[in-house]
Amino acid sequence: MIARLKQWLGAERAPTDPAGHTRVLMICTGNICRSPTAEGVLRAKLQRAGLTGVQVDSAGTQGYHTAEPPDPRAVRAAAARGYDLSRLKARPMRPEDWDGFHWLLAMDRGHLDWLRKRAPAPAALDRVGLLMPLAGRLAGVDEVPDPYYGGPEGFEHVLDLVEAACDGVVARLQAGQGLVGPGR
């Protein structure tokens, strides 16, 4: 999988991982609702698919909640569907994440714009994109809305969207395809 990834990206642009893993970073604002949900869902789906060469993490554009666990509502909603977010801790995105992750998937256009403005080089933009376009069965939905200020139904909606998108991520990784960039 890593060889196909390097071929698709161009070896000079592919981040390095000493263990040869493909690395995916999910991004939202505070890293307590959407991106940890996406991290937990993708990890579970990768495990079920037998894709052991993929590592997933999440981060926020801001450090408001650094070292805090995900929002309890996100943890409860995810647990009800069999996803464990309980061990995750919020963190802000760090400059070194650009070198450590092959794919940086934003939850909404604001996060995508934030990432684009901070890309260390033009080639890094080929590794940045929105998560939702990977959910083929939900054509036309391109953002995961922030459930923070709403009720439990918002967290359920986030899970519906993220599950569909993560199915698309798994399918593309199984096929050795890129997740974002010029090849998509």
N, C-alpha and C. Protein backbone atom coordinates (compact mmCIF):
# COMPACT_ATOMS: atom_id res chain seq x y z
N MET A 1 0.83 -1.19 0.00
CA MET A 1 0.00 0.00 0.00
C MET A 1 0.87 1.25 0.00
N ILE A 2 1.95 1.26 0.77
CA ILE A 2 2.79 2.46 0.86
C ILE A 2 3.48 2.73 -0.47
N ALA A 3 3.85 1.66 -1.20
CA ALA A 3 4.48 1.84 -2.50
C ALA A 3 3.53 2.51 -3.48
N ARG A 4 2.26 2.06 -3.48
CA ARG A 4 1.27 2.69 -4.37
C ARG A 4 1.04 4.13 -3.99
N LEU A 5 1.03 4.38 -2.68
CA LEU A 5 0.83 5.74 -2.20
C LEU A 5 1.97 6.64 -2.67
N LYS A 6 3.20 6.18 -2.53
CA LYS A 6 4.34 6.98 -2.96
C LYS A 6 4.31 7.20 -4.47
N GLN A 7 3.90 6.18 -5.20
CA GLN A 7 3.80 6.32 -6.65
C GLN A 7 2.74 7.37 -6.99
N TRP A 8 1.59 7.29 -6.33
CA TRP A 8 0.50 8.22 -6.60
C TRP A 8 0.89 9.64 -6.23
N LEU A 9 1.52 9.82 -5.06
CA LEU A 9 1.91 11.15 -4.61
C LEU A 9 3.18 11.65 -5.30
N GLY A 10 4.04 10.75 -5.65
CA GLY A 10 5.39 11.12 -6.06
C GLY A 10 6.26 10.96 -4.84
N ALA A 11 7.27 10.16 -4.91
CA ALA A 11 8.07 9.81 -3.73
C ALA A 11 8.58 11.02 -2.98
N GLU A 12 8.89 12.11 -3.70
CA GLU A 12 9.45 13.28 -3.02
C GLU A 12 8.42 14.00 -2.16
N ARG A 13 7.15 13.72 -2.34
CA ARG A 13 6.12 14.41 -1.56
C ARG A 13 5.52 13.55 -0.47
N ALA A 14 5.79 12.28 -0.46
CA ALA A 14 5.16 11.39 0.51
C ALA A 14 5.86 11.49 1.86
N PRO A 15 5.13 11.75 2.93
CA PRO A 15 5.74 11.75 4.26
C PRO A 15 6.32 10.37 4.56
N THR A 16 7.29 10.37 5.43
CA THR A 16 7.91 9.09 5.77
C THR A 16 7.35 8.57 7.08
N ASP A 17 7.25 7.28 7.15
CA ASP A 17 6.83 6.60 8.37
C ASP A 17 7.77 5.41 8.50
N PRO A 18 8.56 5.36 9.58
CA PRO A 18 9.57 4.31 9.71
C PRO A 18 8.98 2.90 9.60
N ALA A 19 7.75 2.72 10.02
CA ALA A 19 7.14 1.38 9.97
C ALA A 19 6.45 1.13 8.63
N GLY A 20 6.44 2.12 7.74
CA GLY A 20 5.81 1.94 6.44
C GLY A 20 4.30 2.04 6.45
N HIS A 21 3.73 2.65 7.48
CA HIS A 21 2.28 2.81 7.56
C HIS A 21 1.80 3.99 6.74
N THR A 22 0.56 3.91 6.30
CA THR A 22 -0.14 5.06 5.76
C THR A 22 -0.76 5.76 6.96
N ARG A 23 -0.61 7.08 7.01
CA ARG A 23 -1.09 7.82 8.19
C ARG A 23 -2.13 8.86 7.77
N VAL A 24 -3.27 8.86 8.50
CA VAL A 24 -4.40 9.74 8.21
C VAL A 24 -4.68 10.59 9.44
N LEU A 25 -4.80 11.90 9.26
CA LEU A 25 -5.11 12.82 10.36
C LEU A 25 -6.46 13.48 10.09
N MET A 26 -7.37 13.35 11.05
CA MET A 26 -8.69 13.99 10.99
C MET A 26 -8.61 15.33 11.72
N ILE A 27 -9.20 16.36 11.15
CA ILE A 27 -9.09 17.72 11.71
C ILE A 27 -10.46 18.35 11.92
N CYS A 28 -10.68 18.90 13.14
CA CYS A 28 -11.83 19.77 13.40
C CYS A 28 -11.34 20.93 14.25
N THR A 29 -12.22 21.64 14.91
CA THR A 29 -11.82 22.84 15.63
C THR A 29 -11.11 22.52 16.94
N GLY A 30 -11.82 21.91 17.88
CA GLY A 30 -11.25 21.68 19.21
C GLY A 30 -10.81 20.26 19.47
N ASN A 31 -11.06 19.36 18.52
CA ASN A 31 -10.68 17.96 18.63
C ASN A 31 -11.39 17.26 19.79
N ILE A 32 -12.67 17.61 19.98
CA ILE A 32 -13.44 16.91 21.02
C ILE A 32 -14.76 16.33 20.51
N CYS A 33 -15.17 16.64 19.29
CA CYS A 33 -16.43 16.11 18.77
C CYS A 33 -16.22 15.37 17.46
N ARG A 34 -16.06 16.11 16.38
CA ARG A 34 -16.05 15.51 15.04
C ARG A 34 -14.79 14.72 14.73
N SER A 35 -13.62 15.32 14.90
CA SER A 35 -12.41 14.60 14.49
C SER A 35 -12.11 13.38 15.36
N PRO A 36 -12.35 13.41 16.69
CA PRO A 36 -12.14 12.16 17.42
C PRO A 36 -13.17 11.09 17.04
N THR A 37 -14.38 11.52 16.69
CA THR A 37 -15.38 10.57 16.22
C THR A 37 -14.88 9.92 14.93
N ALA A 38 -14.39 10.74 14.01
CA ALA A 38 -13.87 10.20 12.75
C ALA A 38 -12.67 9.29 12.99
N GLU A 39 -11.80 9.66 13.92
CA GLU A 39 -10.66 8.81 14.25
C GLU A 39 -11.11 7.45 14.77
N GLY A 40 -12.02 7.46 15.74
CA GLY A 40 -12.50 6.20 16.32
C GLY A 40 -13.23 5.32 15.32
N VAL A 41 -14.07 5.93 14.50
CA VAL A 41 -14.82 5.16 13.49
C VAL A 41 -13.87 4.58 12.46
N LEU A 42 -12.94 5.39 11.96
CA LEU A 42 -12.02 4.87 10.94
C LEU A 42 -11.14 3.77 11.50
N ARG A 43 -10.64 3.93 12.71
CA ARG A 43 -9.83 2.86 13.31
C ARG A 43 -10.60 1.54 13.36
N ALA A 44 -11.83 1.60 13.81
CA ALA A 44 -12.64 0.38 13.91
C ALA A 44 -12.90 -0.23 12.54
N LYS A 45 -13.22 0.60 11.57
CA LYS A 45 -13.50 0.09 10.22
C LYS A 45 -12.24 -0.49 9.56
N LEU A 46 -11.11 0.13 9.79
CA LEU A 46 -9.85 -0.41 9.27
C LEU A 46 -9.54 -1.77 9.90
N GLN A 47 -9.77 -1.87 11.20
CA GLN A 47 -9.52 -3.14 11.89
C GLN A 47 -10.45 -4.23 11.34
N ARG A 48 -11.72 -3.90 11.18
CA ARG A 48 -12.67 -4.88 10.63
C ARG A 48 -12.31 -5.31 9.22
N ALA A 49 -11.71 -4.38 8.46
CA ALA A 49 -11.32 -4.68 7.08
C ALA A 49 -9.96 -5.37 7.00
N GLY A 50 -9.27 -5.50 8.13
CA GLY A 50 -7.96 -6.14 8.14
C GLY A 50 -6.85 -5.26 7.60
N LEU A 51 -7.05 -3.95 7.55
CA LEU A 51 -6.02 -3.02 7.07
C LEU A 51 -5.17 -2.57 8.26
N THR A 52 -4.11 -3.31 8.52
CA THR A 52 -3.27 -3.03 9.68
C THR A 52 -2.18 -2.01 9.40
N GLY A 53 -1.94 -1.67 8.15
CA GLY A 53 -0.87 -0.75 7.81
C GLY A 53 -1.31 0.70 7.75
N VAL A 54 -2.40 1.03 8.42
CA VAL A 54 -2.91 2.40 8.42
C VAL A 54 -3.02 2.88 9.86
N GLN A 55 -2.47 4.05 10.12
CA GLN A 55 -2.59 4.67 11.43
C GLN A 55 -3.45 5.92 11.31
N VAL A 56 -4.27 6.15 12.34
CA VAL A 56 -5.21 7.27 12.33
C VAL A 56 -5.03 8.08 13.60
N ASP A 57 -5.11 9.38 13.47
CA ASP A 57 -5.05 10.29 14.60
C ASP A 57 -6.01 11.43 14.31
N SER A 58 -6.18 12.31 15.27
CA SER A 58 -7.01 13.49 15.07
C SER A 58 -6.40 14.66 15.81
N ALA A 59 -6.76 15.85 15.37
CA ALA A 59 -6.24 17.07 15.98
C ALA A 59 -7.21 18.20 15.72
N GLY A 60 -7.01 19.28 16.43
CA GLY A 60 -7.84 20.46 16.27
C GLY A 60 -7.07 21.60 15.66
N THR A 61 -7.80 22.52 15.05
CA THR A 61 -7.16 23.73 14.55
C THR A 61 -6.78 24.64 15.71
N GLN A 62 -7.41 24.42 16.85
CA GLN A 62 -7.16 25.21 18.05
C GLN A 62 -6.82 24.29 19.23
N GLY A 63 -6.18 24.82 20.23
CA GLY A 63 -5.80 24.03 21.39
C GLY A 63 -6.69 24.26 22.60
N TYR A 64 -7.94 24.64 22.37
CA TYR A 64 -8.86 24.96 23.47
C TYR A 64 -8.99 23.83 24.48
N HIS A 65 -8.96 22.61 24.02
CA HIS A 65 -9.28 21.46 24.88
C HIS A 65 -8.11 20.49 25.01
N THR A 66 -6.88 20.97 24.83
CA THR A 66 -5.71 20.11 24.86
C THR A 66 -5.71 19.19 26.08
N ALA A 67 -5.50 17.90 25.82
CA ALA A 67 -5.40 16.82 26.81
C ALA A 67 -6.75 16.43 27.42
N GLU A 68 -7.84 17.05 26.97
CA GLU A 68 -9.17 16.66 27.46
C GLU A 68 -9.70 15.50 26.64
N PRO A 69 -10.57 14.68 27.23
CA PRO A 69 -11.21 13.61 26.46
C PRO A 69 -12.26 14.20 25.52
N PRO A 70 -12.73 13.41 24.57
CA PRO A 70 -13.82 13.90 23.71
C PRO A 70 -15.05 14.26 24.53
N ASP A 71 -15.90 15.07 23.93
CA ASP A 71 -17.17 15.47 24.54
C ASP A 71 -17.91 14.20 24.98
N PRO A 72 -18.44 14.18 26.21
CA PRO A 72 -19.14 12.98 26.69
C PRO A 72 -20.29 12.54 25.78
N ARG A 73 -20.93 13.50 25.11
CA ARG A 73 -22.02 13.14 24.20
C ARG A 73 -21.48 12.38 22.99
N ALA A 74 -20.30 12.76 22.51
CA ALA A 74 -19.68 12.05 21.39
C ALA A 74 -19.27 10.65 21.83
N VAL A 75 -18.73 10.54 23.03
CA VAL A 75 -18.30 9.24 23.56
C VAL A 75 -19.51 8.31 23.69
N ARG A 76 -20.62 8.82 24.25
CA ARG A 76 -21.83 7.99 24.43
C ARG A 76 -22.41 7.55 23.09
N ALA A 77 -22.54 8.48 22.16
CA ALA A 77 -23.12 8.14 20.86
C ALA A 77 -22.26 7.12 20.14
N ALA A 78 -20.96 7.30 20.17
CA ALA A 78 -20.05 6.36 19.51
C ALA A 78 -20.11 4.99 20.18
N ALA A 79 -20.11 4.96 21.50
CA ALA A 79 -20.16 3.69 22.23
C ALA A 79 -21.42 2.91 21.90
N ALA A 80 -22.53 3.61 21.72
CA ALA A 80 -23.79 2.94 21.40
C ALA A 80 -23.71 2.23 20.04
N ARG A 81 -22.78 2.66 19.20
CA ARG A 81 -22.59 2.02 17.89
C ARG A 81 -21.35 1.12 17.85
N GLY A 82 -20.73 0.94 19.00
CA GLY A 82 -19.58 0.03 19.08
C GLY A 82 -18.22 0.66 18.84
N TYR A 83 -18.11 1.97 18.92
CA TYR A 83 -16.83 2.66 18.74
C TYR A 83 -16.35 3.19 20.08
N ASP A 84 -15.08 3.00 20.38
CA ASP A 84 -14.52 3.43 21.66
C ASP A 84 -13.68 4.69 21.47
N LEU A 85 -14.16 5.80 22.02
CA LEU A 85 -13.42 7.07 21.98
C LEU A 85 -12.84 7.41 23.34
N SER A 86 -13.06 6.55 24.32
CA SER A 86 -12.77 6.89 25.71
C SER A 86 -11.29 7.15 26.00
N ARG A 87 -10.40 6.62 25.21
CA ARG A 87 -8.97 6.80 25.49
C ARG A 87 -8.35 7.97 24.72
N LEU A 88 -9.12 8.61 23.89
CA LEU A 88 -8.59 9.70 23.08
C LEU A 88 -8.45 10.98 23.90
N LYS A 89 -7.48 11.79 23.54
CA LYS A 89 -7.24 13.09 24.18
C LYS A 89 -7.05 14.14 23.10
N ALA A 90 -7.66 15.29 23.32
CA ALA A 90 -7.58 16.38 22.34
C ALA A 90 -6.16 16.94 22.26
N ARG A 91 -5.82 17.36 21.06
CA ARG A 91 -4.55 18.04 20.84
C ARG A 91 -4.70 18.97 19.64
N PRO A 92 -3.90 20.03 19.61
CA PRO A 92 -3.91 20.88 18.42
C PRO A 92 -3.01 20.27 17.35
N MET A 93 -3.25 20.64 16.11
CA MET A 93 -2.36 20.22 15.04
C MET A 93 -1.01 20.89 15.28
N ARG A 94 0.05 20.13 15.00
CA ARG A 94 1.42 20.63 15.18
C ARG A 94 2.10 20.75 13.82
N PRO A 95 3.08 21.63 13.69
CA PRO A 95 3.79 21.76 12.41
C PRO A 95 4.35 20.43 11.90
N GLU A 96 4.82 19.59 12.80
CA GLU A 96 5.40 18.31 12.37
C GLU A 96 4.36 17.34 11.81
N ASP A 97 3.08 17.61 12.02
CA ASP A 97 2.04 16.76 11.44
C ASP A 97 2.09 16.78 9.92
N TRP A 98 2.57 17.88 9.35
CA TRP A 98 2.69 17.95 7.89
C TRP A 98 3.66 16.90 7.37
N ASP A 99 4.69 16.59 8.13
CA ASP A 99 5.66 15.58 7.72
C ASP A 99 5.25 14.17 8.11
N GLY A 100 4.36 14.04 9.08
CA GLY A 100 4.03 12.73 9.60
C GLY A 100 2.77 12.09 9.04
N PHE A 101 1.96 12.84 8.29
CA PHE A 101 0.70 12.29 7.80
C PHE A 101 0.60 12.39 6.28
N HIS A 102 0.11 11.31 5.70
CA HIS A 102 -0.08 11.26 4.25
C HIS A 102 -1.35 12.01 3.84
N TRP A 103 -2.37 11.95 4.68
CA TRP A 103 -3.67 12.55 4.37
C TRP A 103 -4.15 13.35 5.56
N LEU A 104 -4.59 14.58 5.32
CA LEU A 104 -5.15 15.44 6.35
C LEU A 104 -6.58 15.75 5.91
N LEU A 105 -7.55 15.21 6.64
CA LEU A 105 -8.95 15.29 6.25
C LEU A 105 -9.71 16.23 7.18
N ALA A 106 -10.22 17.30 6.61
CA ALA A 106 -10.93 18.34 7.35
C ALA A 106 -12.42 18.00 7.45
N MET A 107 -13.03 18.41 8.55
CA MET A 107 -14.45 18.15 8.76
C MET A 107 -15.33 19.17 8.05
N ASP A 108 -14.84 20.40 7.85
CA ASP A 108 -15.64 21.40 7.13
C ASP A 108 -14.73 22.35 6.35
N ARG A 109 -15.35 23.23 5.57
CA ARG A 109 -14.58 24.13 4.72
C ARG A 109 -13.70 25.09 5.52
N GLY A 110 -14.15 25.49 6.68
CA GLY A 110 -13.33 26.36 7.53
C GLY A 110 -12.03 25.69 7.92
N HIS A 111 -12.10 24.42 8.28
CA HIS A 111 -10.88 23.67 8.62
C HIS A 111 -10.00 23.48 7.39
N LEU A 112 -10.64 23.22 6.26
CA LEU A 112 -9.90 23.05 5.01
C LEU A 112 -9.14 24.34 4.66
N ASP A 113 -9.80 25.46 4.77
CA ASP A 113 -9.14 26.74 4.50
C ASP A 113 -8.00 26.98 5.48
N TRP A 114 -8.21 26.65 6.75
CA TRP A 114 -7.18 26.79 7.78
C TRP A 114 -5.95 25.97 7.40
N LEU A 115 -6.17 24.72 6.97
CA LEU A 115 -5.06 23.85 6.57
C LEU A 115 -4.35 24.41 5.34
N ARG A 116 -5.11 24.85 4.36
CA ARG A 116 -4.52 25.38 3.13
C ARG A 116 -3.62 26.59 3.41
N LYS A 117 -4.05 27.44 4.31
CA LYS A 117 -3.26 28.63 4.65
C LYS A 117 -1.96 28.27 5.36
N ARG A 118 -1.92 27.13 6.00
CA ARG A 118 -0.76 26.75 6.79
C ARG A 118 0.12 25.67 6.14
N ALA A 119 -0.24 25.27 4.95
CA ALA A 119 0.54 24.25 4.25
C ALA A 119 1.99 24.73 4.10
N PRO A 120 2.95 23.90 4.45
CA PRO A 120 4.34 24.33 4.41
C PRO A 120 4.92 24.45 2.99
N ALA A 121 4.25 23.83 2.03
CA ALA A 121 4.71 23.88 0.64
C ALA A 121 3.52 23.59 -0.27
N PRO A 122 3.55 24.06 -1.50
CA PRO A 122 2.43 23.80 -2.41
C PRO A 122 2.11 22.31 -2.56
N ALA A 123 3.12 21.44 -2.56
CA ALA A 123 2.88 20.01 -2.71
C ALA A 123 2.05 19.44 -1.55
N ALA A 124 2.13 20.05 -0.39
CA ALA A 124 1.36 19.58 0.77
C ALA A 124 -0.14 19.72 0.54
N LEU A 125 -0.54 20.63 -0.31
CA LEU A 125 -1.96 20.83 -0.59
C LEU A 125 -2.58 19.61 -1.25
N ASP A 126 -1.77 18.79 -1.91
CA ASP A 126 -2.26 17.58 -2.55
C ASP A 126 -2.69 16.52 -1.53
N ARG A 127 -2.35 16.73 -0.27
CA ARG A 127 -2.67 15.76 0.78
C ARG A 127 -3.78 16.24 1.70
N VAL A 128 -4.39 17.37 1.36
CA VAL A 128 -5.41 18.00 2.20
C VAL A 128 -6.75 17.97 1.49
N GLY A 129 -7.80 17.62 2.22
CA GLY A 129 -9.13 17.64 1.62
C GLY A 129 -10.20 17.48 2.68
N LEU A 130 -11.43 17.52 2.23
CA LEU A 130 -12.58 17.30 3.11
C LEU A 130 -12.84 15.80 3.26
N LEU A 131 -13.31 15.38 4.41
CA LEU A 131 -13.65 13.98 4.64
C LEU A 131 -14.88 13.55 3.86
N MET A 132 -15.91 14.36 3.86
CA MET A 132 -17.22 13.92 3.35
C MET A 132 -17.28 13.57 1.87
N PRO A 133 -16.52 14.17 0.99
CA PRO A 133 -16.59 13.73 -0.41
C PRO A 133 -16.21 12.25 -0.60
N LEU A 134 -15.59 11.65 0.39
CA LEU A 134 -15.25 10.22 0.32
C LEU A 134 -16.46 9.34 0.57
N ALA A 135 -17.56 9.92 1.02
CA ALA A 135 -18.80 9.17 1.27
C ALA A 135 -19.62 9.18 0.00
N GLY A 136 -19.28 8.33 -0.92
CA GLY A 136 -19.93 8.29 -2.22
C GLY A 136 -21.44 8.19 -2.16
N ARG A 137 -21.96 7.46 -1.18
CA ARG A 137 -23.41 7.28 -1.13
C ARG A 137 -24.15 8.52 -0.61
N LEU A 138 -23.42 9.50 -0.15
CA LEU A 138 -24.03 10.75 0.32
C LEU A 138 -23.60 11.90 -0.57
N ALA A 139 -23.73 11.72 -1.86
CA ALA A 139 -23.32 12.74 -2.82
C ALA A 139 -23.94 14.09 -2.47
N GLY A 140 -23.13 15.12 -2.55
CA GLY A 140 -23.63 16.47 -2.28
C GLY A 140 -23.42 16.93 -0.85
N VAL A 141 -23.09 16.01 0.05
CA VAL A 141 -22.80 16.39 1.44
C VAL A 141 -21.29 16.51 1.55
N ASP A 142 -20.79 17.71 1.81
CA ASP A 142 -19.34 17.84 1.85
C ASP A 142 -18.77 18.32 3.17
N GLU A 143 -19.63 18.52 4.17
CA GLU A 143 -19.15 18.93 5.48
C GLU A 143 -19.79 18.10 6.59
N VAL A 144 -19.05 17.93 7.67
CA VAL A 144 -19.59 17.33 8.89
C VAL A 144 -19.92 18.50 9.81
N PRO A 145 -21.20 18.73 10.12
CA PRO A 145 -21.57 19.88 10.94
C PRO A 145 -21.15 19.72 12.40
N ASP A 146 -20.89 20.83 13.04
CA ASP A 146 -20.46 20.82 14.44
C ASP A 146 -21.66 20.56 15.35
N PRO A 147 -21.65 19.48 16.12
CA PRO A 147 -22.78 19.16 16.99
C PRO A 147 -22.68 19.79 18.38
N TYR A 148 -21.61 20.50 18.67
CA TYR A 148 -21.28 20.93 20.03
C TYR A 148 -22.41 21.70 20.72
N TYR A 149 -23.05 22.60 20.02
CA TYR A 149 -24.05 23.46 20.66
C TYR A 149 -25.47 22.91 20.58
N GLY A 150 -25.62 21.69 20.09
CA GLY A 150 -26.93 21.08 19.96
C GLY A 150 -27.12 19.92 20.92
N GLY A 151 -28.13 19.13 20.63
CA GLY A 151 -28.46 17.99 21.46
C GLY A 151 -27.87 16.69 20.93
N PRO A 152 -28.28 15.58 21.52
CA PRO A 152 -27.73 14.28 21.15
C PRO A 152 -27.97 13.91 19.68
N GLU A 153 -29.03 14.43 19.09
CA GLU A 153 -29.31 14.10 17.69
C GLU A 153 -28.20 14.59 16.76
N GLY A 154 -27.54 15.67 17.13
CA GLY A 154 -26.43 16.17 16.33
C GLY A 154 -25.26 15.21 16.31
N PHE A 155 -25.01 14.56 17.44
CA PHE A 155 -23.92 13.59 17.52
C PHE A 155 -24.26 12.33 16.73
N GLU A 156 -25.52 11.97 16.70
CA GLU A 156 -25.96 10.83 15.90
C GLU A 156 -25.80 11.14 14.41
N HIS A 157 -26.15 12.37 14.03
CA HIS A 157 -26.00 12.78 12.63
C HIS A 157 -24.53 12.76 12.23
N VAL A 158 -23.65 13.26 13.09
CA VAL A 158 -22.21 13.22 12.82
C VAL A 158 -21.77 11.78 12.60
N LEU A 159 -22.22 10.87 13.43
CA LEU A 159 -21.85 9.46 13.26
C LEU A 159 -22.35 8.91 11.93
N ASP A 160 -23.57 9.23 11.56
CA ASP A 160 -24.10 8.77 10.26
C ASP A 160 -23.18 9.21 9.12
N LEU A 161 -22.80 10.49 9.14
CA LEU A 161 -21.96 11.04 8.09
C LEU A 161 -20.56 10.43 8.10
N VAL A 162 -19.98 10.38 9.29
CA VAL A 162 -18.61 9.87 9.43
C VAL A 162 -18.53 8.39 9.06
N GLU A 163 -19.51 7.61 9.44
CA GLU A 163 -19.50 6.19 9.07
C GLU A 163 -19.49 6.03 7.55
N ALA A 164 -20.32 6.79 6.87
CA ALA A 164 -20.37 6.71 5.41
C ALA A 164 -19.04 7.13 4.79
N ALA A 165 -18.46 8.22 5.29
CA ALA A 165 -17.19 8.69 4.75
C ALA A 165 -16.06 7.70 5.04
N CYS A 166 -16.05 7.13 6.22
CA CYS A 166 -14.99 6.18 6.57
C CYS A 166 -15.11 4.90 5.75
N ASP A 167 -16.32 4.51 5.36
CA ASP A 167 -16.46 3.38 4.43
C ASP A 167 -15.75 3.71 3.12
N GLY A 168 -15.89 4.95 2.67
CA GLY A 168 -15.22 5.38 1.45
C GLY A 168 -13.70 5.42 1.61
N VAL A 169 -13.23 5.86 2.77
CA VAL A 169 -11.79 5.87 3.04
C VAL A 169 -11.24 4.45 2.96
N VAL A 170 -11.90 3.52 3.63
CA VAL A 170 -11.45 2.12 3.63
C VAL A 170 -11.43 1.57 2.21
N ALA A 171 -12.47 1.81 1.45
CA ALA A 171 -12.53 1.31 0.07
C ALA A 171 -11.38 1.85 -0.77
N ARG A 172 -11.11 3.14 -0.64
CA ARG A 172 -10.02 3.74 -1.42
C ARG A 172 -8.66 3.21 -0.98
N LEU A 173 -8.46 3.04 0.32
CA LEU A 173 -7.19 2.49 0.79
C LEU A 173 -7.01 1.05 0.35
N GLN A 174 -8.08 0.26 0.37
CA GLN A 174 -8.01 -1.12 -0.10
C GLN A 174 -7.63 -1.17 -1.58
N ALA A 175 -8.09 -0.19 -2.33
CA ALA A 175 -7.80 -0.15 -3.77
C ALA A 175 -6.45 0.52 -4.06
N GLY A 176 -5.75 0.98 -3.00
CA GLY A 176 -4.47 1.63 -3.21
C GLY A 176 -4.57 3.01 -3.81
N GLN A 177 -5.72 3.65 -3.61
CA GLN A 177 -5.95 4.98 -4.18
C GLN A 177 -5.69 6.06 -3.14
N GLY A 178 -5.43 7.26 -3.64
CA GLY A 178 -5.29 8.41 -2.77
C GLY A 178 -6.65 8.86 -2.25
N LEU A 179 -6.61 9.63 -1.18
CA LEU A 179 -7.85 10.11 -0.57
C LEU A 179 -8.21 11.51 -1.03
N VAL A 180 -7.22 12.30 -1.35
CA VAL A 180 -7.44 13.68 -1.81
C VAL A 180 -6.40 14.00 -2.85
N GLY A 181 -6.46 15.19 -3.39
CA GLY A 181 -5.41 15.65 -4.28
C GLY A 181 -5.73 15.50 -5.75
N PRO A 182 -4.72 15.63 -6.58
CA PRO A 182 -4.94 15.69 -8.02
C PRO A 182 -5.45 14.38 -8.62
N GLY A 183 -5.23 13.27 -7.95
CA GLY A 183 -5.69 11.99 -8.47
C GLY A 183 -7.13 11.68 -8.13
N ARG A 184 -7.81 12.60 -7.48
CA ARG A 184 -9.19 12.32 -7.06
C ARG A 184 -10.14 13.27 -7.70
